[in-house]
N, C-alpha and C. Protein backbone atom coordinates (compact mmCIF):
# COMPACT_ATOMS: atom_id res chain seq x y z
N MET A 1 -3.49 22.12 -25.84
CA MET A 1 -3.25 21.97 -24.42
C MET A 1 -3.94 20.70 -23.94
N ALA A 2 -3.36 20.06 -22.96
CA ALA A 2 -3.90 18.80 -22.43
C ALA A 2 -5.28 19.03 -21.80
N ALA A 3 -5.99 17.94 -21.56
CA ALA A 3 -7.33 18.01 -20.98
C ALA A 3 -7.33 18.80 -19.67
N ASN A 4 -6.33 18.61 -18.83
CA ASN A 4 -6.22 19.37 -17.59
C ASN A 4 -4.88 20.09 -17.58
N PRO A 5 -4.86 21.36 -18.01
CA PRO A 5 -3.59 22.08 -18.08
C PRO A 5 -2.94 22.32 -16.72
N ASN A 6 -3.71 22.17 -15.63
CA ASN A 6 -3.15 22.37 -14.29
C ASN A 6 -2.57 21.09 -13.69
N LYS A 7 -2.68 19.98 -14.42
CA LYS A 7 -2.12 18.71 -13.94
C LYS A 7 -0.61 18.85 -13.78
N LEU A 8 -0.10 18.36 -12.66
CA LEU A 8 1.34 18.41 -12.42
C LEU A 8 2.01 17.18 -13.03
N ILE A 9 3.11 17.43 -13.72
CA ILE A 9 3.91 16.35 -14.29
C ILE A 9 5.34 16.51 -13.79
N GLU A 10 6.05 15.41 -13.72
CA GLU A 10 7.44 15.46 -13.26
C GLU A 10 8.35 15.61 -14.47
N LEU A 11 9.20 16.63 -14.42
CA LEU A 11 10.17 16.88 -15.49
C LEU A 11 11.53 17.16 -14.90
N LYS A 12 12.56 16.83 -15.66
CA LYS A 12 13.91 17.20 -15.25
C LYS A 12 14.17 18.60 -15.79
N ILE A 13 14.34 19.54 -14.86
CA ILE A 13 14.54 20.94 -15.21
C ILE A 13 15.82 21.40 -14.54
N ALA A 14 16.76 21.87 -15.35
CA ALA A 14 18.05 22.36 -14.84
C ALA A 14 18.73 21.32 -13.95
N GLY A 15 18.63 20.05 -14.35
CA GLY A 15 19.32 18.98 -13.65
C GLY A 15 18.60 18.40 -12.45
N ARG A 16 17.40 18.92 -12.14
CA ARG A 16 16.65 18.41 -10.99
C ARG A 16 15.24 18.05 -11.42
N TYR A 17 14.69 17.03 -10.81
CA TYR A 17 13.31 16.65 -11.10
C TYR A 17 12.37 17.56 -10.33
N ARG A 18 11.42 18.13 -11.04
CA ARG A 18 10.45 19.06 -10.47
C ARG A 18 9.05 18.71 -10.93
N MET A 19 8.07 19.04 -10.11
CA MET A 19 6.66 18.91 -10.48
C MET A 19 6.22 20.25 -11.05
N ILE A 20 5.71 20.21 -12.26
CA ILE A 20 5.36 21.45 -12.97
C ILE A 20 4.04 21.24 -13.69
N PRO A 21 3.17 22.25 -13.72
CA PRO A 21 1.89 22.07 -14.42
C PRO A 21 2.09 22.03 -15.93
N VAL A 22 1.22 21.32 -16.60
CA VAL A 22 1.30 21.19 -18.06
C VAL A 22 1.35 22.55 -18.73
N TRP A 23 0.52 23.50 -18.29
CA TRP A 23 0.48 24.82 -18.95
C TRP A 23 1.86 25.49 -18.93
N ALA A 24 2.66 25.26 -17.88
CA ALA A 24 3.97 25.89 -17.77
C ALA A 24 4.99 25.29 -18.74
N THR A 25 4.69 24.11 -19.28
CA THR A 25 5.61 23.49 -20.24
C THR A 25 5.37 24.03 -21.65
N GLU A 26 4.31 24.78 -21.84
CA GLU A 26 3.94 25.26 -23.17
C GLU A 26 4.28 26.73 -23.39
N LEU A 27 5.07 27.30 -22.50
CA LEU A 27 5.48 28.70 -22.61
C LEU A 27 6.73 28.79 -23.49
N SER A 28 7.07 29.99 -23.91
CA SER A 28 8.23 30.18 -24.78
C SER A 28 9.56 30.14 -24.02
N PHE A 29 9.50 30.04 -22.71
CA PHE A 29 10.69 29.96 -21.85
C PHE A 29 10.49 28.82 -20.87
N GLU A 30 11.60 28.34 -20.34
CA GLU A 30 11.52 27.28 -19.33
C GLU A 30 11.19 27.90 -17.97
N VAL A 31 10.30 27.27 -17.24
CA VAL A 31 9.96 27.71 -15.89
C VAL A 31 10.70 26.81 -14.91
N ARG A 32 11.47 27.43 -14.02
CA ARG A 32 12.26 26.68 -13.05
C ARG A 32 11.80 27.01 -11.63
N PRO A 33 10.98 26.14 -11.05
CA PRO A 33 10.57 26.40 -9.66
C PRO A 33 11.76 26.27 -8.72
N GLY A 34 11.78 27.11 -7.69
CA GLY A 34 12.86 27.08 -6.71
C GLY A 34 12.95 25.74 -6.00
N GLN A 35 14.05 25.54 -5.28
CA GLN A 35 14.35 24.25 -4.66
C GLN A 35 13.24 23.73 -3.74
N LYS A 36 12.68 24.58 -2.92
CA LYS A 36 11.64 24.14 -1.98
C LYS A 36 10.28 24.67 -2.42
N PHE A 37 10.05 24.71 -3.71
CA PHE A 37 8.81 25.26 -4.26
C PHE A 37 7.61 24.43 -3.83
N ASP A 38 6.60 25.11 -3.34
CA ASP A 38 5.35 24.47 -2.90
C ASP A 38 4.38 24.50 -4.08
N ALA A 39 3.95 23.33 -4.52
CA ALA A 39 3.09 23.23 -5.71
C ALA A 39 1.78 24.01 -5.57
N ARG A 40 1.37 24.32 -4.35
CA ARG A 40 0.15 25.11 -4.16
C ARG A 40 0.32 26.54 -4.66
N ALA A 41 1.56 26.95 -4.93
CA ALA A 41 1.82 28.32 -5.41
C ALA A 41 1.57 28.48 -6.91
N TRP A 42 1.44 27.38 -7.65
CA TRP A 42 1.25 27.50 -9.10
C TRP A 42 0.04 28.35 -9.44
N LYS A 43 -1.01 28.30 -8.64
CA LYS A 43 -2.21 29.08 -8.95
C LYS A 43 -1.93 30.58 -8.90
N TYR A 44 -0.97 31.00 -8.08
CA TYR A 44 -0.59 32.41 -8.01
C TYR A 44 0.30 32.81 -9.19
N TRP A 45 1.13 31.88 -9.62
CA TRP A 45 2.07 32.16 -10.70
C TRP A 45 1.45 32.11 -12.09
N LYS A 46 0.40 31.33 -12.26
CA LYS A 46 -0.16 31.12 -13.60
C LYS A 46 -0.49 32.42 -14.34
N PRO A 47 -1.27 33.36 -13.79
CA PRO A 47 -1.59 34.56 -14.56
C PRO A 47 -0.37 35.41 -14.89
N VAL A 48 0.61 35.43 -14.00
CA VAL A 48 1.82 36.22 -14.21
C VAL A 48 2.66 35.62 -15.34
N LEU A 49 2.85 34.30 -15.30
CA LEU A 49 3.68 33.64 -16.32
C LEU A 49 2.99 33.61 -17.68
N LEU A 50 1.68 33.47 -17.71
CA LEU A 50 0.97 33.54 -18.99
C LEU A 50 1.09 34.93 -19.60
N LEU A 51 0.98 35.97 -18.76
CA LEU A 51 1.16 37.33 -19.27
C LEU A 51 2.60 37.54 -19.72
N LEU A 52 3.58 37.04 -18.97
CA LEU A 52 4.98 37.17 -19.37
C LEU A 52 5.20 36.53 -20.73
N ASN A 53 4.59 35.40 -20.98
CA ASN A 53 4.72 34.74 -22.28
C ASN A 53 4.19 35.65 -23.39
N GLU A 54 3.05 36.28 -23.15
CA GLU A 54 2.46 37.21 -24.13
C GLU A 54 3.36 38.43 -24.33
N VAL A 55 3.86 38.99 -23.23
CA VAL A 55 4.73 40.17 -23.28
C VAL A 55 6.01 39.84 -24.05
N ALA A 56 6.61 38.70 -23.76
CA ALA A 56 7.85 38.30 -24.45
C ALA A 56 7.62 38.21 -25.95
N ARG A 57 6.49 37.66 -26.34
CA ARG A 57 6.17 37.54 -27.77
C ARG A 57 5.96 38.92 -28.40
N LYS A 58 5.14 39.74 -27.79
CA LYS A 58 4.81 41.06 -28.35
C LYS A 58 6.00 42.01 -28.34
N GLU A 59 6.84 41.92 -27.33
CA GLU A 59 8.00 42.81 -27.20
C GLU A 59 9.25 42.23 -27.85
N LYS A 60 9.12 41.04 -28.42
CA LYS A 60 10.25 40.34 -29.07
C LYS A 60 11.43 40.19 -28.11
N LEU A 61 11.11 39.72 -26.91
CA LEU A 61 12.11 39.52 -25.86
C LEU A 61 12.43 38.04 -25.74
N LYS A 62 13.70 37.71 -25.85
CA LYS A 62 14.15 36.33 -25.70
C LYS A 62 14.42 36.07 -24.22
N ILE A 63 13.65 35.16 -23.65
CA ILE A 63 13.85 34.75 -22.25
C ILE A 63 14.19 33.26 -22.28
N ASN A 64 15.33 32.90 -21.73
CA ASN A 64 15.71 31.49 -21.69
C ASN A 64 14.94 30.74 -20.61
N TRP A 65 14.90 31.31 -19.42
CA TRP A 65 14.18 30.66 -18.33
C TRP A 65 13.80 31.67 -17.25
N VAL A 66 12.82 31.25 -16.44
CA VAL A 66 12.33 32.07 -15.34
C VAL A 66 12.30 31.21 -14.08
N ARG A 67 12.98 31.66 -13.04
CA ARG A 67 12.96 30.98 -11.75
C ARG A 67 11.84 31.60 -10.92
N VAL A 68 10.96 30.77 -10.35
CA VAL A 68 9.88 31.26 -9.49
C VAL A 68 10.01 30.65 -8.10
N HIS A 69 9.61 31.42 -7.11
CA HIS A 69 9.72 31.01 -5.71
C HIS A 69 8.35 30.82 -5.09
N SER A 70 8.35 30.18 -3.93
CA SER A 70 7.19 30.17 -3.04
C SER A 70 7.72 30.33 -1.62
N HIS A 71 7.01 31.12 -0.84
CA HIS A 71 7.44 31.39 0.54
C HIS A 71 6.24 31.36 1.49
N PHE A 72 5.38 30.35 1.36
CA PHE A 72 4.25 30.24 2.28
C PHE A 72 4.76 30.16 3.71
N GLY A 73 4.05 30.77 4.62
CA GLY A 73 4.42 30.71 6.03
C GLY A 73 5.47 31.72 6.44
N HIS A 74 5.94 32.53 5.50
CA HIS A 74 6.96 33.52 5.82
C HIS A 74 6.36 34.61 6.71
N LYS A 75 7.06 34.95 7.76
CA LYS A 75 6.53 35.92 8.73
C LYS A 75 6.87 37.37 8.37
N GLY A 76 8.04 37.60 7.82
CA GLY A 76 8.46 38.97 7.50
C GLY A 76 8.70 39.12 6.02
N ASP A 77 9.67 39.95 5.68
CA ASP A 77 10.02 40.11 4.28
C ASP A 77 10.95 38.98 3.86
N VAL A 78 10.88 38.63 2.59
CA VAL A 78 11.79 37.60 2.10
C VAL A 78 13.19 38.19 2.01
N PRO A 79 14.22 37.37 2.18
CA PRO A 79 15.58 37.89 2.30
C PRO A 79 16.28 38.16 0.97
N HIS A 80 15.51 38.44 -0.07
CA HIS A 80 16.12 38.76 -1.36
C HIS A 80 15.17 39.66 -2.15
N ALA A 81 15.61 40.10 -3.31
CA ALA A 81 14.80 41.00 -4.14
C ALA A 81 13.51 40.30 -4.59
N MET A 82 12.51 41.10 -4.92
CA MET A 82 11.23 40.55 -5.40
C MET A 82 11.39 39.97 -6.81
N GLY A 83 12.38 40.46 -7.52
CA GLY A 83 12.65 39.96 -8.86
C GLY A 83 13.93 40.57 -9.38
N TRP A 84 14.53 39.94 -10.38
CA TRP A 84 15.68 40.53 -11.06
C TRP A 84 15.84 39.89 -12.41
N TRP A 85 16.52 40.63 -13.28
CA TRP A 85 16.77 40.20 -14.65
C TRP A 85 18.27 40.04 -14.83
N ASP A 86 18.69 38.95 -15.42
CA ASP A 86 20.10 38.70 -15.70
C ASP A 86 20.32 38.88 -17.20
N HIS A 87 20.98 39.99 -17.57
CA HIS A 87 21.23 40.31 -18.98
C HIS A 87 22.16 39.29 -19.65
N GLU A 88 23.07 38.71 -18.88
CA GLU A 88 24.07 37.81 -19.47
C GLU A 88 23.46 36.50 -19.93
N ILE A 89 22.45 36.01 -19.22
CA ILE A 89 21.87 34.71 -19.57
C ILE A 89 20.40 34.80 -19.99
N ASN A 90 19.90 36.04 -20.11
CA ASN A 90 18.49 36.26 -20.49
C ASN A 90 17.54 35.43 -19.62
N ALA A 91 17.71 35.60 -18.32
CA ALA A 91 16.88 34.85 -17.37
C ALA A 91 16.27 35.81 -16.36
N MET A 92 15.10 35.45 -15.90
CA MET A 92 14.38 36.26 -14.92
C MET A 92 14.19 35.43 -13.65
N PHE A 93 14.32 36.10 -12.53
CA PHE A 93 14.07 35.49 -11.23
C PHE A 93 12.91 36.25 -10.62
N LEU A 94 11.87 35.56 -10.23
CA LEU A 94 10.70 36.21 -9.65
C LEU A 94 10.35 35.60 -8.30
N CYS A 95 10.24 36.45 -7.31
CA CYS A 95 9.79 36.03 -6.00
C CYS A 95 8.35 36.47 -5.78
N HIS A 96 8.03 37.69 -6.21
CA HIS A 96 6.66 38.20 -6.08
C HIS A 96 5.84 37.81 -7.29
N PHE A 97 4.66 37.27 -7.05
CA PHE A 97 3.80 36.77 -8.11
C PHE A 97 2.80 37.82 -8.58
N ASP A 98 3.26 39.05 -8.75
CA ASP A 98 2.38 40.10 -9.26
C ASP A 98 2.89 40.57 -10.62
N LYS A 99 1.97 41.09 -11.42
CA LYS A 99 2.30 41.53 -12.77
C LYS A 99 3.23 42.73 -12.76
N GLU A 100 3.08 43.60 -11.76
CA GLU A 100 3.94 44.79 -11.68
C GLU A 100 5.41 44.39 -11.56
N THR A 101 5.71 43.45 -10.66
CA THR A 101 7.10 43.01 -10.49
C THR A 101 7.63 42.40 -11.79
N MET A 102 6.83 41.57 -12.43
CA MET A 102 7.26 40.93 -13.68
C MET A 102 7.54 41.99 -14.75
N LEU A 103 6.63 42.96 -14.92
CA LEU A 103 6.83 44.00 -15.93
C LEU A 103 8.00 44.92 -15.56
N HIS A 104 8.21 45.14 -14.28
CA HIS A 104 9.38 45.89 -13.79
C HIS A 104 10.65 45.23 -14.31
N GLU A 105 10.71 43.89 -14.19
CA GLU A 105 11.89 43.15 -14.65
C GLU A 105 12.00 43.15 -16.18
N VAL A 106 10.89 43.08 -16.88
CA VAL A 106 10.92 43.18 -18.34
C VAL A 106 11.47 44.56 -18.73
N GLY A 107 11.10 45.59 -17.96
CA GLY A 107 11.66 46.92 -18.20
C GLY A 107 13.17 46.92 -18.13
N HIS A 108 13.73 46.17 -17.18
CA HIS A 108 15.20 46.04 -17.10
C HIS A 108 15.73 45.32 -18.34
N ALA A 109 15.04 44.28 -18.76
CA ALA A 109 15.49 43.51 -19.92
C ALA A 109 15.52 44.36 -21.19
N LEU A 110 14.62 45.31 -21.28
CA LEU A 110 14.50 46.14 -22.49
C LEU A 110 15.27 47.45 -22.38
N SER A 111 16.04 47.62 -21.30
CA SER A 111 16.81 48.85 -21.11
C SER A 111 18.21 48.51 -20.62
N SER A 112 18.85 49.48 -20.01
CA SER A 112 20.23 49.30 -19.56
C SER A 112 20.36 48.39 -18.35
N GLY A 113 19.26 48.13 -17.68
CA GLY A 113 19.32 47.25 -16.53
C GLY A 113 19.30 47.96 -15.20
N TYR A 114 19.61 49.26 -15.18
CA TYR A 114 19.63 50.01 -13.93
C TYR A 114 18.32 50.75 -13.74
N HIS A 115 18.08 51.27 -12.54
CA HIS A 115 16.85 52.01 -12.26
C HIS A 115 16.98 53.47 -12.70
N GLY A 116 17.46 53.68 -13.92
CA GLY A 116 17.57 55.02 -14.48
C GLY A 116 16.38 55.35 -15.37
N ASP A 117 16.47 56.48 -16.06
CA ASP A 117 15.38 56.93 -16.91
C ASP A 117 15.01 55.94 -18.01
N PRO A 118 15.97 55.31 -18.70
CA PRO A 118 15.57 54.35 -19.74
C PRO A 118 14.72 53.21 -19.17
N TRP A 119 15.10 52.70 -17.99
CA TRP A 119 14.30 51.65 -17.36
C TRP A 119 12.92 52.17 -16.97
N ALA A 120 12.85 53.34 -16.34
CA ALA A 120 11.56 53.88 -15.89
C ALA A 120 10.63 54.11 -17.07
N LYS A 121 11.17 54.57 -18.19
CA LYS A 121 10.34 54.79 -19.39
C LYS A 121 9.81 53.46 -19.92
N GLN A 122 10.66 52.44 -19.94
CA GLN A 122 10.22 51.12 -20.41
C GLN A 122 9.18 50.53 -19.45
N ALA A 123 9.46 50.60 -18.16
CA ALA A 123 8.53 50.03 -17.17
C ALA A 123 7.17 50.71 -17.26
N SER A 124 7.15 52.03 -17.33
CA SER A 124 5.86 52.74 -17.40
C SER A 124 5.14 52.41 -18.70
N ARG A 125 5.87 52.31 -19.80
CA ARG A 125 5.25 51.95 -21.08
C ARG A 125 4.60 50.57 -20.98
N LEU A 126 5.30 49.63 -20.36
CA LEU A 126 4.78 48.28 -20.19
C LEU A 126 3.55 48.27 -19.27
N TYR A 127 3.62 49.02 -18.18
CA TYR A 127 2.47 49.09 -17.27
C TYR A 127 1.25 49.62 -18.02
N LEU A 128 1.44 50.71 -18.78
CA LEU A 128 0.33 51.32 -19.51
C LEU A 128 -0.23 50.40 -20.59
N LYS A 129 0.63 49.58 -21.14
CA LYS A 129 0.20 48.68 -22.23
C LYS A 129 -0.48 47.41 -21.72
N TYR A 130 0.00 46.86 -20.61
CA TYR A 130 -0.45 45.53 -20.18
C TYR A 130 -1.30 45.49 -18.91
N LEU A 131 -1.41 46.60 -18.21
CA LEU A 131 -2.19 46.61 -16.97
C LEU A 131 -3.40 47.53 -17.11
N LYS A 132 -4.38 47.29 -16.27
CA LYS A 132 -5.59 48.12 -16.26
C LYS A 132 -6.04 48.35 -14.82
N GLY A 133 -6.87 49.37 -14.65
CA GLY A 133 -7.52 49.62 -13.36
C GLY A 133 -6.56 49.77 -12.20
N LYS A 134 -6.91 49.10 -11.10
CA LYS A 134 -6.13 49.20 -9.86
C LYS A 134 -4.69 48.69 -10.05
N GLU A 135 -4.52 47.63 -10.84
CA GLU A 135 -3.16 47.12 -11.08
C GLU A 135 -2.29 48.20 -11.72
N LEU A 136 -2.84 48.92 -12.70
CA LEU A 136 -2.09 49.98 -13.38
C LEU A 136 -1.79 51.12 -12.40
N LYS A 137 -2.80 51.56 -11.68
CA LYS A 137 -2.61 52.66 -10.73
C LYS A 137 -1.54 52.31 -9.70
N ASP A 138 -1.63 51.12 -9.12
CA ASP A 138 -0.67 50.69 -8.11
C ASP A 138 0.74 50.56 -8.69
N ALA A 139 0.85 50.06 -9.92
CA ALA A 139 2.17 49.91 -10.55
C ALA A 139 2.81 51.27 -10.80
N MET A 140 2.03 52.22 -11.27
CA MET A 140 2.58 53.55 -11.54
C MET A 140 3.01 54.24 -10.24
N ILE A 141 2.27 54.01 -9.17
CA ILE A 141 2.67 54.57 -7.87
C ILE A 141 3.93 53.86 -7.36
N ALA A 142 4.02 52.55 -7.56
CA ALA A 142 5.22 51.79 -7.15
C ALA A 142 6.46 52.28 -7.92
N LEU A 143 6.26 52.71 -9.16
CA LEU A 143 7.36 53.24 -9.97
C LEU A 143 7.99 54.44 -9.27
N ALA A 144 7.17 55.17 -8.51
CA ALA A 144 7.64 56.37 -7.83
C ALA A 144 8.57 56.08 -6.64
N HIS A 145 8.84 54.82 -6.35
CA HIS A 145 9.86 54.49 -5.35
C HIS A 145 11.23 54.95 -5.83
N TYR A 146 11.37 55.11 -7.13
CA TYR A 146 12.65 55.46 -7.75
C TYR A 146 12.58 56.89 -8.28
N LEU A 147 13.67 57.64 -8.17
CA LEU A 147 13.72 59.01 -8.67
C LEU A 147 13.35 59.06 -10.15
N SER A 148 13.91 58.14 -10.94
CA SER A 148 13.59 58.11 -12.37
C SER A 148 12.10 57.84 -12.58
N GLY A 149 11.52 57.02 -11.74
CA GLY A 149 10.09 56.73 -11.82
C GLY A 149 9.25 57.94 -11.49
N ARG A 150 9.70 58.74 -10.52
CA ARG A 150 8.95 59.95 -10.18
C ARG A 150 8.98 60.94 -11.34
N ARG A 151 10.13 61.03 -12.02
CA ARG A 151 10.22 61.93 -13.18
C ARG A 151 9.28 61.47 -14.30
N VAL A 152 9.27 60.17 -14.57
CA VAL A 152 8.40 59.63 -15.62
C VAL A 152 6.93 59.80 -15.24
N TYR A 153 6.60 59.55 -14.00
CA TYR A 153 5.22 59.71 -13.53
C TYR A 153 4.75 61.14 -13.79
N LYS A 154 5.59 62.12 -13.41
CA LYS A 154 5.22 63.53 -13.59
C LYS A 154 5.08 63.87 -15.07
N ALA A 155 5.95 63.32 -15.92
CA ALA A 155 5.86 63.58 -17.36
C ALA A 155 4.56 63.02 -17.95
N ILE A 156 4.11 61.89 -17.45
CA ILE A 156 2.89 61.24 -17.96
C ILE A 156 1.63 61.92 -17.43
N TYR A 157 1.59 62.17 -16.13
CA TYR A 157 0.36 62.64 -15.49
C TYR A 157 0.34 64.14 -15.21
N GLY A 158 1.48 64.82 -15.38
CA GLY A 158 1.52 66.26 -15.17
C GLY A 158 1.44 66.68 -13.71
N GLU A 159 1.65 65.75 -12.82
CA GLU A 159 1.63 66.06 -11.39
C GLU A 159 2.60 65.15 -10.65
N LYS A 160 2.95 65.59 -9.46
CA LYS A 160 3.85 64.81 -8.61
C LYS A 160 3.19 63.49 -8.24
N ALA A 161 3.97 62.44 -8.22
CA ALA A 161 3.45 61.11 -7.86
C ALA A 161 3.07 61.08 -6.39
N PRO A 162 1.98 60.36 -6.06
CA PRO A 162 1.66 60.19 -4.63
C PRO A 162 2.77 59.38 -3.96
N LYS A 163 2.88 59.54 -2.66
CA LYS A 163 3.89 58.78 -1.92
C LYS A 163 3.59 57.29 -2.05
N ALA A 164 4.58 56.56 -2.48
CA ALA A 164 4.41 55.11 -2.66
C ALA A 164 4.41 54.43 -1.29
N PRO A 165 3.47 53.52 -1.06
CA PRO A 165 3.46 52.80 0.22
C PRO A 165 4.68 51.89 0.33
N GLU A 166 5.04 51.58 1.56
CA GLU A 166 6.15 50.66 1.78
C GLU A 166 5.81 49.31 1.16
N ILE A 167 6.76 48.74 0.46
CA ILE A 167 6.52 47.46 -0.22
C ILE A 167 6.50 46.34 0.82
N GLN A 168 5.46 45.54 0.77
CA GLN A 168 5.30 44.39 1.66
C GLN A 168 5.40 43.11 0.83
N SER A 169 5.95 42.08 1.41
CA SER A 169 6.02 40.79 0.73
C SER A 169 4.61 40.24 0.51
N LEU A 170 4.33 39.80 -0.71
CA LEU A 170 3.04 39.18 -1.02
C LEU A 170 2.88 37.85 -0.28
N TRP A 171 3.99 37.26 0.14
CA TRP A 171 3.96 35.96 0.81
C TRP A 171 3.62 36.08 2.29
N LYS A 172 3.83 37.26 2.85
CA LYS A 172 3.63 37.46 4.29
C LYS A 172 2.19 37.15 4.67
N GLY A 173 2.01 36.14 5.50
CA GLY A 173 0.69 35.76 5.99
C GLY A 173 -0.21 35.09 4.97
N LEU A 174 0.31 34.75 3.80
CA LEU A 174 -0.51 34.13 2.75
C LEU A 174 -0.82 32.68 3.11
N ASP A 175 -2.08 32.35 3.10
CA ASP A 175 -2.53 31.00 3.45
C ASP A 175 -2.64 30.17 2.17
N PRO A 176 -1.84 29.12 2.01
CA PRO A 176 -1.87 28.33 0.78
C PRO A 176 -3.18 27.57 0.57
N LYS A 177 -3.98 27.48 1.61
CA LYS A 177 -5.24 26.73 1.50
C LYS A 177 -6.34 27.57 0.84
N LYS A 178 -6.12 28.87 0.71
CA LYS A 178 -7.15 29.75 0.12
C LYS A 178 -6.95 29.95 -1.35
């Protein structure tokens, strides 16, 4: 890795010139920042994308590219999903920079793609394998937003899942200067 892995370099990615940190060029997949991506967001994406690289290797998952967003200054919820997986092109789109969302999408990649039992089993397996502490607890509760997730939660813990809190955008009120 270069002397400063966080140094931004200009690269042509998917036909457009983008500023991308050196560390993001060394992953097993191409990272494609969104059109109006704010470079201050890289610090939020780094731990998620490094973990995704590890997960892809360990789970033998082929990912061609990952699109990441930034929405600093957003007042409400973002007008699209927090993440999604495209089975046809082996690509991931991530809006939320949390490990739970990323592993949720890997669960889709390793299953049928729908929020059914095969997906919930994969997602919970990934959460249990790659998360710890509060991140794990929160991810398992978030799984309970889905009926299949509630069934898997009960099978694992032997009790009904707690009510999952309403999902809030991680970008809402986020100050890029912090």
